[in-house]
Amino acid sequence: MLELRPNCECCDKDLPPGSDEALICSFECTFCSDCNERYLHQICPNCGGELVRRPHRPAGKLIANPPSIQRVFNPALRERSR
């Protein structure tokens, strides 16, 4: 099951479970669409994998299967991605 991480690893922007701005790689590294456009260009800076839109979890399933609350933030990823 996807963790649905709560933020962008580059800029720390909040990305709630239903966000259309959230992108993930196959390891669930999570980024916002703004950082993708500016720095990442569809490539995860952690693993080199493809970034794709994160799917939404149906609202009725969030109670039994809540999103992660652990934030991952590494602003150095911006520099590594240039």
C-alpha atoms as a PDB file:
ATOM      1  CA  MET A   1       0.000   0.000   0.000  1.00  0.00           C
ATOM      2  CA  LEU A   2       1.294   3.476  -0.837  1.00  0.00           C
ATOM      3  CA  GLU A   3       2.491   5.561   2.102  1.00  0.00           C
ATOM      4  CA  LEU A   4       1.045   8.811   0.710  1.00  0.00           C
ATOM      5  CA  ARG A   5       3.849  10.928   2.127  1.00  0.00           C
ATOM      6  CA  PRO A   6       2.688  14.353   3.302  1.00  0.00           C
ATOM      7  CA  ASN A   7       5.164  16.703   1.616  1.00  0.00           C
ATOM      8  CA  CYS A   8       7.540  17.457  -1.236  1.00  0.00           C
ATOM      9  CA  GLU A   9      11.065  16.305  -0.456  1.00  0.00           C
ATOM     10  CA  CYS A  10      12.577  19.332  -2.255  1.00  0.00           C
ATOM     11  CA  CYS A  11      10.559  22.301  -0.960  1.00  0.00           C
ATOM     12  CA  ASP A  12       8.526  20.813   1.937  1.00  0.00           C
ATOM     13  CA  LYS A  13       5.213  21.864   0.359  1.00  0.00           C
ATOM     14  CA  ASP A  14       2.230  20.072   1.904  1.00  0.00           C
ATOM     15  CA  LEU A  15       0.797  17.371  -0.369  1.00  0.00           C
ATOM     16  CA  PRO A  16      -2.415  16.012   1.143  1.00  0.00           C
ATOM     17  CA  PRO A  17      -3.667  12.578   0.052  1.00  0.00           C
ATOM     18  CA  GLY A  18      -5.937  14.004  -2.663  1.00  0.00           C
ATOM     19  CA  SER A  19      -3.387  16.416  -4.131  1.00  0.00           C
ATOM     20  CA  ASP A  20      -3.155  16.542  -7.920  1.00  0.00           C
ATOM     21  CA  GLU A  21       0.327  18.069  -7.511  1.00  0.00           C
ATOM     22  CA  ALA A  22       1.992  15.003  -5.943  1.00  0.00           C
ATOM     23  CA  LEU A  23       4.422  12.934  -8.002  1.00  0.00           C
ATOM     24  CA  ILE A  24       6.139   9.723  -6.880  1.00  0.00           C
ATOM     25  CA  CYS A  25       8.753   7.258  -8.103  1.00  0.00           C
ATOM     26  CA  SER A  26       8.608   3.489  -7.627  1.00  0.00           C
ATOM     27  CA  PHE A  27      10.243   3.914  -4.187  1.00  0.00           C
ATOM     28  CA  GLU A  28       7.556   6.477  -3.231  1.00  0.00           C
ATOM     29  CA  CYS A  29       9.926   9.436  -3.105  1.00  0.00           C
ATOM     30  CA  THR A  30       7.440  12.310  -3.246  1.00  0.00           C
ATOM     31  CA  PHE A  31       7.711  15.672  -4.993  1.00  0.00           C
ATOM     32  CA  CYS A  32       5.408  18.507  -6.029  1.00  0.00           C
ATOM     33  CA  SER A  33       4.706  19.436  -9.628  1.00  0.00           C
ATOM     34  CA  ASP A  34       6.492  22.808  -9.217  1.00  0.00           C
ATOM     35  CA  CYS A  35       9.792  21.172  -8.185  1.00  0.00           C
ATOM     36  CA  ASN A  36       9.357  18.625 -10.954  1.00  0.00           C
ATOM     37  CA  GLU A  37       9.017  21.370 -13.559  1.00  0.00           C
ATOM     38  CA  ARG A  38      11.866  23.505 -12.173  1.00  0.00           C
ATOM     39  CA  TYR A  39      14.454  20.927 -11.130  1.00  0.00           C
ATOM     40  CA  LEU A  40      13.549  17.279 -11.631  1.00  0.00           C
ATOM     41  CA  HIS A  41      12.065  16.926 -15.150  1.00  0.00           C
ATOM     42  CA  GLN A  42      10.284  13.595 -14.453  1.00  0.00           C
ATOM     43  CA  ILE A  43      13.423  11.982 -12.896  1.00  0.00           C
ATOM     44  CA  CYS A  44      13.705  11.145  -9.185  1.00  0.00           C
ATOM     45  CA  PRO A  45      16.932  12.666  -7.800  1.00  0.00           C
ATOM     46  CA  ASN A  46      17.202   9.859  -5.239  1.00  0.00           C
ATOM     47  CA  CYS A  47      16.992   6.759  -7.436  1.00  0.00           C
ATOM     48  CA  GLY A  48      16.907   8.012 -11.046  1.00  0.00           C
ATOM     49  CA  GLY A  49      13.458   6.508 -11.572  1.00  0.00           C
ATOM     50  CA  GLU A  50      10.519   8.024 -13.411  1.00  0.00           C
ATOM     51  CA  LEU A  51       8.208  10.401 -11.553  1.00  0.00           C
ATOM     52  CA  VAL A  52       4.494   9.845 -12.145  1.00  0.00           C
ATOM     53  CA  ARG A  53       1.305  11.320 -10.694  1.00  0.00           C
ATOM     54  CA  ARG A  54       0.518   9.824  -7.308  1.00  0.00           C
ATOM     55  CA  PRO A  55      -2.893   8.119  -7.303  1.00  0.00           C
ATOM     56  CA  HIS A  56      -5.611   9.274  -4.923  1.00  0.00           C
ATOM     57  CA  ARG A  57      -6.839   6.997  -2.162  1.00  0.00           C
ATOM     58  CA  PRO A  58     -10.651   7.044  -1.910  1.00  0.00           C
ATOM     59  CA  ALA A  59     -11.753   9.218   1.014  1.00  0.00           C
ATOM     60  CA  GLY A  60     -13.647   6.325   2.585  1.00  0.00           C
ATOM     61  CA  LYS A  61     -10.444   4.276   2.779  1.00  0.00           C
ATOM     62  CA  LEU A  62      -8.342   6.975   4.477  1.00  0.00           C
ATOM     63  CA  ILE A  63      -9.709   6.243   7.959  1.00  0.00           C
ATOM     64  CA  ALA A  64      -8.631   2.602   7.964  1.00  0.00           C
ATOM     65  CA  ASN A  65      -5.566   3.312   5.793  1.00  0.00           C
ATOM     66  CA  PRO A  66      -4.284   6.767   6.775  1.00  0.00           C
ATOM     67  CA  PRO A  67      -1.515   8.593   4.913  1.00  0.00           C
ATOM     68  CA  SER A  68       1.964   8.814   6.384  1.00  0.00           C
ATOM     69  CA  ILE A  69       2.723  11.672   8.783  1.00  0.00           C
ATOM     70  CA  GLN A  70       6.510  11.313   8.493  1.00  0.00           C
ATOM     71  CA  ARG A  71       7.957  14.224   6.544  1.00  0.00           C
ATOM     72  CA  VAL A  72      11.051  13.824   4.362  1.00  0.00           C
ATOM     73  CA  PHE A  73      12.787  17.092   3.454  1.00  0.00           C
ATOM     74  CA  ASN A  74      16.121  17.496   1.711  1.00  0.00           C
ATOM     75  CA  PRO A  75      16.526  20.878  -0.036  1.00  0.00           C
ATOM     76  CA  ALA A  76      19.934  19.739  -1.356  1.00  0.00           C
ATOM     77  CA  LEU A  77      18.003  17.648  -3.898  1.00  0.00           C
ATOM     78  CA  ARG A  78      17.422  20.828  -5.918  1.00  0.00           C
ATOM     79  CA  GLU A  79      21.150  21.332  -6.398  1.00  0.00           C
ATOM     80  CA  ARG A  80      21.777  17.679  -7.176  1.00  0.00           C
ATOM     81  CA  SER A  81      19.091  17.791  -9.875  1.00  0.00           C
ATOM     82  CA  ARG A  82      20.552  20.680 -11.868  1.00  0.00           C
END
